[in-house]
């Protein structure tokens, strides 16, 4: 049986997960700020906020990237849809 010195403790692993969650939130906030800038630029240029072709391409690329990292396509698609929806609210 592995000892405490060779196996990370449950609290240590949870701490690592918490740190990753915090980093994810920071990245999402940064992405949202950039999305707001895009919306402002589109407004000045009198462009539609939504670009469905770009959204399709973005989702396709993120699913491809996610699969390469071992993530399920449905999971990645759901997350990307939510991120896009939040960025245009």
PDB file of N, CA and C in Angstrom:
ATOM      1  N   UNK A   1       0.843  -1.187   0.000  1.00  0.00           N
ATOM      2  CA  UNK A   1       0.000   0.000   0.000  1.00  0.00           C
ATOM      3  C   UNK A   1       0.888   1.251   0.000  1.00  0.00           C
ATOM      4  N   UNK A   2       0.470   2.264  -0.771  1.00  0.00           N
ATOM      5  CA  UNK A   2       1.251   3.493  -0.867  1.00  0.00           C
ATOM      6  C   UNK A   2       1.171   4.272   0.443  1.00  0.00           C
ATOM      7  N   UNK A   3       2.238   4.929   0.732  1.00  0.00           N
ATOM      8  CA  UNK A   3       2.266   5.744   1.951  1.00  0.00           C
ATOM      9  C   UNK A   3       1.920   7.186   1.616  1.00  0.00           C
ATOM     10  N   UNK A   4       1.713   7.972   2.642  1.00  0.00           N
ATOM     11  CA  UNK A   4       1.372   9.390   2.501  1.00  0.00           C
ATOM     12  C   UNK A   4       2.461  10.152   1.761  1.00  0.00           C
ATOM     13  N   UNK A   5       3.709   9.712   1.870  1.00  0.00           N
ATOM     14  CA  UNK A   5       4.813  10.435   1.229  1.00  0.00           C
ATOM     15  C   UNK A   5       4.845  10.197  -0.275  1.00  0.00           C
ATOM     16  N   UNK A   6       4.257   9.109  -0.765  1.00  0.00           N
ATOM     17  CA  UNK A   6       4.273   8.839  -2.199  1.00  0.00           C
ATOM     18  C   UNK A   6       2.940   9.120  -2.868  1.00  0.00           C
ATOM     19  N   UNK A   7       1.880   9.249  -2.107  1.00  0.00           N
ATOM     20  CA  UNK A   7       0.560   9.506  -2.651  1.00  0.00           C
ATOM     21  C   UNK A   7       0.054  10.841  -2.122  1.00  0.00           C
ATOM     22  N   UNK A   8      -0.382  11.722  -3.039  1.00  0.00           N
ATOM     23  CA  UNK A   8      -0.898  13.005  -2.552  1.00  0.00           C
ATOM     24  C   UNK A   8      -2.150  12.780  -1.705  1.00  0.00           C
ATOM     25  N   UNK A   9      -2.298  13.592  -0.701  1.00  0.00           N
ATOM     26  CA  UNK A   9      -3.475  13.476   0.154  1.00  0.00           C
ATOM     27  C   UNK A   9      -4.692  14.041  -0.564  1.00  0.00           C
ATOM     28  N   UNK A  10      -5.848  13.628  -0.114  1.00  0.00           N
ATOM     29  CA  UNK A  10      -7.097  14.127  -0.674  1.00  0.00           C
ATOM     30  C   UNK A  10      -7.157  15.648  -0.580  1.00  0.00           C
ATOM     31  N   UNK A  11      -6.771  16.187   0.551  1.00  0.00           N
ATOM     32  CA  UNK A  11      -6.821  17.643   0.713  1.00  0.00           C
ATOM     33  C   UNK A  11      -5.853  18.346  -0.238  1.00  0.00           C
ATOM     34  N   UNK A  12      -4.716  17.742  -0.513  1.00  0.00           N
ATOM     35  CA  UNK A  12      -3.755  18.333  -1.446  1.00  0.00           C
ATOM     36  C   UNK A  12      -4.324  18.351  -2.869  1.00  0.00           C
ATOM     37  N   UNK A  13      -4.915  17.248  -3.274  1.00  0.00           N
ATOM     38  CA  UNK A  13      -5.497  17.175  -4.622  1.00  0.00           C
ATOM     39  C   UNK A  13      -6.660  18.156  -4.742  1.00  0.00           C
ATOM     40  N   UNK A  14      -7.492  18.231  -3.719  1.00  0.00           N
ATOM     41  CA  UNK A  14      -8.588  19.201  -3.748  1.00  0.00           C
ATOM     42  C   UNK A  14      -8.066  20.633  -3.803  1.00  0.00           C
ATOM     43  N   UNK A  15      -6.976  20.890  -3.128  1.00  0.00           N
ATOM     44  CA  UNK A  15      -6.363  22.207  -3.162  1.00  0.00           C
ATOM     45  C   UNK A  15      -5.883  22.538  -4.577  1.00  0.00           C
ATOM     46  N   UNK A  16      -5.325  21.562  -5.253  1.00  0.00           N
ATOM     47  CA  UNK A  16      -4.896  21.763  -6.639  1.00  0.00           C
ATOM     48  C   UNK A  16      -6.093  22.045  -7.540  1.00  0.00           C
ATOM     49  N   UNK A  17      -7.191  21.324  -7.329  1.00  0.00           N
ATOM     50  CA  UNK A  17      -8.409  21.560  -8.113  1.00  0.00           C
ATOM     51  C   UNK A  17      -8.921  22.970  -7.856  1.00  0.00           C
ATOM     52  N   UNK A  18      -8.938  23.389  -6.608  1.00  0.00           N
ATOM     53  CA  UNK A  18      -9.388  24.742  -6.273  1.00  0.00           C
ATOM     54  C   UNK A  18      -8.534  25.804  -6.958  1.00  0.00           C
ATOM     55  N   UNK A  19      -7.230  25.574  -6.996  1.00  0.00           N
ATOM     56  CA  UNK A  19      -6.331  26.524  -7.655  1.00  0.00           C
ATOM     57  C   UNK A  19      -6.624  26.591  -9.155  1.00  0.00           C
ATOM     58  N   UNK A  20      -6.869  25.444  -9.774  1.00  0.00           N
ATOM     59  CA  UNK A  20      -7.218  25.426 -11.195  1.00  0.00           C
ATOM     60  C   UNK A  20      -8.544  26.137 -11.443  1.00  0.00           C
ATOM     61  N   UNK A  21      -9.520  25.894 -10.574  1.00  0.00           N
ATOM     62  CA  UNK A  21     -10.808  26.578 -10.714  1.00  0.00           C
ATOM     63  C   UNK A  21     -10.633  28.087 -10.654  1.00  0.00           C
ATOM     64  N   UNK A  22      -9.794  28.554  -9.753  1.00  0.00           N
ATOM     65  CA  UNK A  22      -9.536  29.994  -9.649  1.00  0.00           C
ATOM     66  C   UNK A  22      -8.891  30.529 -10.915  1.00  0.00           C
ATOM     67  N   UNK A  23      -7.956  29.782 -11.469  1.00  0.00           N
ATOM     68  CA  UNK A  23      -7.308  30.199 -12.718  1.00  0.00           C
ATOM     69  C   UNK A  23      -8.316  30.230 -13.866  1.00  0.00           C
ATOM     70  N   UNK A  24      -9.214  29.230 -13.901  1.00  0.00           N
ATOM     71  CA  UNK A  24     -10.247  29.211 -14.937  1.00  0.00           C
ATOM     72  C   UNK A  24     -11.123  30.459 -14.856  1.00  0.00           C
ATOM     73  N   UNK A  25     -11.491  30.850 -13.645  1.00  0.00           N
ATOM     74  CA  UNK A  25     -12.320  32.040 -13.479  1.00  0.00           C
ATOM     75  C   UNK A  25     -11.607  33.293 -13.957  1.00  0.00           C
ATOM     76  N   UNK A  26     -10.337  33.401 -13.666  1.00  0.00           N
ATOM     77  CA  UNK A  26      -9.555  34.557 -14.134  1.00  0.00           C
ATOM     78  C   UNK A  26      -9.527  34.581 -15.660  1.00  0.00           C
ATOM     79  N   UNK A  27      -9.290  33.441 -16.268  1.00  0.00           N
ATOM     80  CA  UNK A  27      -9.260  33.368 -17.731  1.00  0.00           C
ATOM     81  C   UNK A  27     -10.624  33.702 -18.334  1.00  0.00           C
ATOM     82  N   UNK A  28     -11.700  33.217 -17.722  1.00  0.00           N
ATOM     83  CA  UNK A  28     -13.037  33.532 -18.220  1.00  0.00           C
ATOM     84  C   UNK A  28     -13.332  35.023 -18.108  1.00  0.00           C
ATOM     85  N   UNK A  29     -12.895  35.637 -17.030  1.00  0.00           N
ATOM     86  CA  UNK A  29     -13.091  37.080 -16.870  1.00  0.00           C
ATOM     87  C   UNK A  29     -12.301  37.852 -17.927  1.00  0.00           C
ATOM     88  N   UNK A  30     -11.088  37.419 -18.211  1.00  0.00           N
ATOM     89  CA  UNK A  30     -10.277  38.067 -19.246  1.00  0.00           C
ATOM     90  C   UNK A  30     -10.937  37.905 -20.609  1.00  0.00           C
ATOM     91  N   UNK A  31     -11.474  36.717 -20.873  1.00  0.00           N
ATOM     92  CA  UNK A  31     -12.146  36.471 -22.150  1.00  0.00           C
ATOM     93  C   UNK A  31     -13.382  37.355 -22.279  1.00  0.00           C
ATOM     94  N   UNK A  32     -14.135  37.482 -21.209  1.00  0.00           N
ATOM     95  CA  UNK A  32     -15.330  38.316 -21.235  1.00  0.00           C
ATOM     96  C   UNK A  32     -14.972  39.768 -21.546  1.00  0.00           C
ATOM     97  N   UNK A  33     -13.905  40.255 -20.952  1.00  0.00           N
ATOM     98  CA  UNK A  33     -13.467  41.627 -21.222  1.00  0.00           C
ATOM     99  C   UNK A  33     -13.122  41.802 -22.704  1.00  0.00           C
ATOM    100  N   UNK A  34     -12.436  40.835 -23.281  1.00  0.00           N
ATOM    101  CA  UNK A  34     -12.109  40.912 -24.703  1.00  0.00           C
ATOM    102  C   UNK A  34     -13.370  40.839 -25.559  1.00  0.00           C
ATOM    103  N   UNK A  35     -14.326  40.011 -25.165  1.00  0.00           N
ATOM    104  CA  UNK A  35     -15.592  39.925 -25.903  1.00  0.00           C
ATOM    105  C   UNK A  35     -16.325  41.248 -25.889  1.00  0.00           C
ATOM    106  N   UNK A  36     -16.276  41.936 -24.764  1.00  0.00           N
ATOM    107  CA  UNK A  36     -16.911  43.252 -24.677  1.00  0.00           C
ATOM    108  C   UNK A  36     -16.247  44.250 -25.618  1.00  0.00           C
ATOM    109  N   UNK A  37     -14.936  44.151 -25.752  1.00  0.00           N
ATOM    110  CA  UNK A  37     -14.218  45.028 -26.686  1.00  0.00           C
ATOM    111  C   UNK A  37     -14.630  44.720 -28.126  1.00  0.00           C
ATOM    112  N   UNK A  38     -14.787  43.440 -28.437  1.00  0.00           N
ATOM    113  CA  UNK A  38     -15.232  43.052 -29.778  1.00  0.00           C
ATOM    114  C   UNK A  38     -16.613  43.636 -30.058  1.00  0.00           C
ATOM    115  N   UNK A  39     -17.506  43.534 -29.079  1.00  0.00           N
ATOM    116  CA  UNK A  39     -18.856  44.077 -29.249  1.00  0.00           C
ATOM    117  C   UNK A  39     -18.793  45.588 -29.495  1.00  0.00           C
ATOM    118  N   UNK A  40     -17.950  46.298 -28.764  1.00  0.00           N
ATOM    119  CA  UNK A  40     -17.811  47.744 -28.971  1.00  0.00           C
ATOM    120  C   UNK A  40     -17.305  48.043 -30.375  1.00  0.00           C
ATOM    121  N   UNK A  41     -16.309  47.284 -30.826  1.00  0.00           N
ATOM    122  CA  UNK A  41     -15.772  47.496 -32.169  1.00  0.00           C
ATOM    123  C   UNK A  41     -16.817  47.199 -33.239  1.00  0.00           C
ATOM    124  N   UNK A  42     -17.592  46.149 -33.032  1.00  0.00           N
ATOM    125  CA  UNK A  42     -18.647  45.816 -33.986  1.00  0.00           C
ATOM    126  C   UNK A  42     -19.723  46.899 -33.996  1.00  0.00           C
ATOM    127  N   UNK A  43     -20.011  47.456 -32.851  1.00  0.00           N
ATOM    128  CA  UNK A  43     -21.014  48.518 -32.767  1.00  0.00           C
ATOM    129  C   UNK A  43     -20.554  49.734 -33.573  1.00  0.00           C
ATOM    130  N   UNK A  44     -19.306  50.113 -33.406  1.00  0.00           N
ATOM    131  CA  UNK A  44     -18.755  51.246 -34.150  1.00  0.00           C
ATOM    132  C   UNK A  44     -18.792  50.976 -35.650  1.00  0.00           C
ATOM    133  N   UNK A  45     -18.524  49.735 -36.032  1.00  0.00           N
ATOM    134  CA  UNK A  45     -18.499  49.367 -37.444  1.00  0.00           C
ATOM    135  C   UNK A  45     -19.883  48.986 -37.975  1.00  0.00           C
ATOM    136  N   UNK A  46     -20.911  49.106 -37.127  1.00  0.00           N
ATOM    137  CA  UNK A  46     -22.282  48.768 -37.506  1.00  0.00           C
ATOM    138  C   UNK A  46     -22.397  47.317 -37.981  1.00  0.00           C
ATOM    139  N   UNK A  47     -21.759  46.423 -37.237  1.00  0.00           N
ATOM    140  CA  UNK A  47     -21.785  44.990 -37.554  1.00  0.00           C
ATOM    141  C   UNK A  47     -22.692  44.267 -36.563  1.00  0.00           C
ATOM    142  N   UNK A  48     -23.202  43.121 -36.988  1.00  0.00           N
ATOM    143  CA  UNK A  48     -23.991  42.282 -36.090  1.00  0.00           C
ATOM    144  C   UNK A  48     -23.103  41.759 -34.968  1.00  0.00           C
ATOM    145  N   UNK A  49     -23.688  41.654 -33.779  1.00  0.00           N
ATOM    146  CA  UNK A  49     -22.939  41.112 -32.645  1.00  0.00           C
ATOM    147  C   UNK A  49     -22.616  39.649 -32.879  1.00  0.00           C
ATOM    148  N   UNK A  50     -23.603  38.890 -33.333  1.00  0.00           N
ATOM    149  CA  UNK A  50     -23.409  37.453 -33.562  1.00  0.00           C
ATOM    150  C   UNK A  50     -22.780  37.221 -34.923  1.00  0.00           C
ATOM    151  N   UNK A  51     -21.826  36.303 -34.967  1.00  0.00           N
ATOM    152  CA  UNK A  51     -21.215  35.845 -36.216  1.00  0.00           C
ATOM    153  C   UNK A  51     -21.302  34.326 -36.180  1.00  0.00           C
ATOM    154  N   UNK A  52     -22.415  33.807 -36.708  1.00  0.00           N
ATOM    155  CA  UNK A  52     -22.690  32.380 -36.582  1.00  0.00           C
ATOM    156  C   UNK A  52     -21.631  31.513 -37.244  1.00  0.00           C
ATOM    157  N   UNK A  53     -21.072  31.962 -38.354  1.00  0.00           N
ATOM    158  CA  UNK A  53     -20.017  31.184 -39.014  1.00  0.00           C
ATOM    159  C   UNK A  53     -18.788  31.100 -38.104  1.00  0.00           C
ATOM    160  N   UNK A  54     -18.423  32.211 -37.496  1.00  0.00           N
ATOM    161  CA  UNK A  54     -17.283  32.205 -36.570  1.00  0.00           C
ATOM    162  C   UNK A  54     -17.583  31.316 -35.367  1.00  0.00           C
ATOM    163  N   UNK A  55     -18.794  31.401 -34.853  1.00  0.00           N
ATOM    164  CA  UNK A  55     -19.145  30.570 -33.709  1.00  0.00           C
ATOM    165  C   UNK A  55     -19.038  29.079 -34.055  1.00  0.00           C
ATOM    166  N   UNK A  56     -19.538  28.697 -35.224  1.00  0.00           N
ATOM    167  CA  UNK A  56     -19.426  27.288 -35.659  1.00  0.00           C
ATOM    168  C   UNK A  56     -17.965  26.868 -35.767  1.00  0.00           C
ATOM    169  N   UNK A  57     -17.149  27.726 -36.393  1.00  0.00           N
ATOM    170  CA  UNK A  57     -15.723  27.417 -36.537  1.00  0.00           C
ATOM    171  C   UNK A  57     -15.040  27.320 -35.172  1.00  0.00           C
ATOM    172  N   UNK A  58     -15.386  28.242 -34.279  1.00  0.00           N
ATOM    173  CA  UNK A  58     -14.809  28.250 -32.947  1.00  0.00           C
ATOM    174  C   UNK A  58     -15.154  26.965 -32.195  1.00  0.00           C
ATOM    175  N   UNK A  59     -16.433  26.586 -32.229  1.00  0.00           N
ATOM    176  CA  UNK A  59     -16.855  25.360 -31.545  1.00  0.00           C
ATOM    177  C   UNK A  59     -16.152  24.149 -32.133  1.00  0.00           C
ATOM    178  N   UNK A  60     -16.103  24.077 -33.450  1.00  0.00           N
ATOM    179  CA  UNK A  60     -15.426  22.947 -34.103  1.00  0.00           C
ATOM    180  C   UNK A  60     -13.960  22.858 -33.671  1.00  0.00           C
ATOM    181  N   UNK A  61     -13.273  23.985 -33.669  1.00  0.00           N
ATOM    182  CA  UNK A  61     -11.855  23.986 -33.293  1.00  0.00           C
ATOM    183  C   UNK A  61     -11.669  23.626 -31.828  1.00  0.00           C
ATOM    184  N   UNK A  62     -12.526  24.144 -30.958  1.00  0.00           N
ATOM    185  CA  UNK A  62     -12.393  23.821 -29.529  1.00  0.00           C
ATOM    186  C   UNK A  62     -12.692  22.358 -29.258  1.00  0.00           C
ATOM    187  N   UNK A  63     -13.660  21.777 -29.991  1.00  0.00           N
ATOM    188  CA  UNK A  63     -13.938  20.344 -29.842  1.00  0.00           C
ATOM    189  C   UNK A  63     -12.729  19.529 -30.296  1.00  0.00           C
ATOM    190  N   UNK A  64     -12.134  19.921 -31.404  1.00  0.00           N
ATOM    191  CA  UNK A  64     -10.933  19.233 -31.891  1.00  0.00           C
ATOM    192  C   UNK A  64      -9.804  19.332 -30.870  1.00  0.00           C
ATOM    193  N   UNK A  65      -9.583  20.533 -30.352  1.00  0.00           N
ATOM    194  CA  UNK A  65      -8.549  20.733 -29.333  1.00  0.00           C
ATOM    195  C   UNK A  65      -8.856  19.936 -28.071  1.00  0.00           C
ATOM    196  N   UNK A  66     -10.119  19.963 -27.662  1.00  0.00           N
ATOM    197  CA  UNK A  66     -10.523  19.244 -26.464  1.00  0.00           C
ATOM    198  C   UNK A  66     -10.346  17.749 -26.590  1.00  0.00           C
ATOM    199  N   UNK A  67     -10.722  17.201 -27.742  1.00  0.00           N
ATOM    200  CA  UNK A  67     -10.534  15.759 -27.964  1.00  0.00           C
ATOM    201  C   UNK A  67      -9.063  15.380 -27.855  1.00  0.00           C
ATOM    202  N   UNK A  68      -8.192  16.221 -28.384  1.00  0.00           N
ATOM    203  CA  UNK A  68      -6.756  15.954 -28.305  1.00  0.00           C
ATOM    204  C   UNK A  68      -6.281  15.929 -26.856  1.00  0.00           C
ATOM    205  N   UNK A  69      -7.028  16.586 -25.982  1.00  0.00           N
ATOM    206  CA  UNK A  69      -6.689  16.622 -24.557  1.00  0.00           C
ATOM    207  C   UNK A  69      -7.470  15.591 -23.739  1.00  0.00           C
ATOM    208  N   UNK A  70      -8.262  14.764 -24.436  1.00  0.00           N
ATOM    209  CA  UNK A  70      -9.009  13.719 -23.760  1.00  0.00           C
ATOM    210  C   UNK A  70     -10.378  14.134 -23.260  1.00  0.00           C
ATOM    211  N   UNK A  71     -10.899  15.257 -23.749  1.00  0.00           N
ATOM    212  CA  UNK A  71     -12.211  15.741 -23.320  1.00  0.00           C
ATOM    213  C   UNK A  71     -13.290  15.294 -24.312  1.00  0.00           C
ATOM    214  N   UNK A  72     -14.467  15.014 -23.791  1.00  0.00           N
ATOM    215  CA  UNK A  72     -15.597  14.615 -24.622  1.00  0.00           C
ATOM    216  C   UNK A  72     -16.121  15.809 -25.427  1.00  0.00           C
ATOM    217  N   UNK A  73     -16.519  15.557 -26.659  1.00  0.00           N
ATOM    218  CA  UNK A  73     -17.019  16.607 -27.546  1.00  0.00           C
ATOM    219  C   UNK A  73     -18.230  17.312 -26.944  1.00  0.00           C
ATOM    220  N   UNK A  74     -19.151  16.559 -26.365  1.00  0.00           N
ATOM    221  CA  UNK A  74     -20.357  17.157 -25.781  1.00  0.00           C
ATOM    222  C   UNK A  74     -19.998  18.123 -24.652  1.00  0.00           C
ATOM    223  N   UNK A  75     -19.058  17.729 -23.826  1.00  0.00           N
ATOM    224  CA  UNK A  75     -18.618  18.569 -22.710  1.00  0.00           C
ATOM    225  C   UNK A  75     -18.050  19.890 -23.227  1.00  0.00           C
ATOM    226  N   UNK A  76     -17.155  19.805 -24.191  1.00  0.00           N
ATOM    227  CA  UNK A  76     -16.528  21.008 -24.751  1.00  0.00           C
ATOM    228  C   UNK A  76     -17.574  21.883 -25.442  1.00  0.00           C
ATOM    229  N   UNK A  77     -18.442  21.265 -26.209  1.00  0.00           N
ATOM    230  CA  UNK A  77     -19.484  22.015 -26.914  1.00  0.00           C
ATOM    231  C   UNK A  77     -20.371  22.775 -25.931  1.00  0.00           C
ATOM    232  N   UNK A  78     -20.770  22.113 -24.861  1.00  0.00           N
ATOM    233  CA  UNK A  78     -21.618  22.748 -23.849  1.00  0.00           C
ATOM    234  C   UNK A  78     -20.922  23.950 -23.230  1.00  0.00           C
ATOM    235  N   UNK A  79     -19.666  23.778 -22.869  1.00  0.00           N
ATOM    236  CA  UNK A  79     -18.914  24.869 -22.250  1.00  0.00           C
ATOM    237  C   UNK A  79     -18.758  26.043 -23.211  1.00  0.00           C
ATOM    238  N   UNK A  80     -18.393  25.759 -24.449  1.00  0.00           N
ATOM    239  CA  UNK A  80     -18.176  26.836 -25.418  1.00  0.00           C
ATOM    240  C   UNK A  80     -19.482  27.575 -25.702  1.00  0.00           C
ATOM    241  N   UNK A  81     -20.588  26.834 -25.826  1.00  0.00           N
ATOM    242  CA  UNK A  81     -21.885  27.490 -26.029  1.00  0.00           C
ATOM    243  C   UNK A  81     -22.203  28.438 -24.875  1.00  0.00           C
ATOM    244  N   UNK A  82     -21.959  28.013 -23.655  1.00  0.00           N
ATOM    245  CA  UNK A  82     -22.218  28.853 -22.492  1.00  0.00           C
ATOM    246  C   UNK A  82     -21.323  30.094 -22.479  1.00  0.00           C
ATOM    247  N   UNK A  83     -20.064  29.907 -22.827  1.00  0.00           N
ATOM    248  CA  UNK A  83     -19.138  31.046 -22.867  1.00  0.00           C
ATOM    249  C   UNK A  83     -19.590  32.057 -23.913  1.00  0.00           C
ATOM    250  N   UNK A  84     -19.970  31.570 -25.084  1.00  0.00           N
ATOM    251  CA  UNK A  84     -20.432  32.469 -26.142  1.00  0.00           C
ATOM    252  C   UNK A  84     -21.712  33.189 -25.717  1.00  0.00           C
ATOM    253  N   UNK A  85     -22.648  32.436 -25.156  1.00  0.00           N
ATOM    254  CA  UNK A  85     -23.916  33.037 -24.724  1.00  0.00           C
ATOM    255  C   UNK A  85     -23.667  34.116 -23.679  1.00  0.00           C
ATOM    256  N   UNK A  86     -22.775  33.851 -22.736  1.00  0.00           N
ATOM    257  CA  UNK A  86     -22.494  34.825 -21.700  1.00  0.00           C
ATOM    258  C   UNK A  86     -21.806  36.064 -22.257  1.00  0.00           C
ATOM    259  N   UNK A  87     -21.009  35.892 -23.293  1.00  0.00           N
ATOM    260  CA  UNK A  87     -20.254  37.025 -23.821  1.00  0.00           C
ATOM    261  C   UNK A  87     -21.118  38.015 -24.580  1.00  0.00           C
ATOM    262  N   UNK A  88     -22.330  37.610 -24.964  1.00  0.00           N
ATOM    263  CA  UNK A  88     -23.184  38.536 -25.720  1.00  0.00           C
ATOM    264  C   UNK A  88     -24.410  38.974 -24.923  1.00  0.00           C
ATOM    265  N   UNK A  89     -24.458  38.625 -23.662  1.00  0.00           N
ATOM    266  CA  UNK A  89     -25.600  39.058 -22.820  1.00  0.00           C
ATOM    267  C   UNK A  89     -25.472  40.512 -22.482  1.00  0.00           C
TER     268      UNK A  89
END
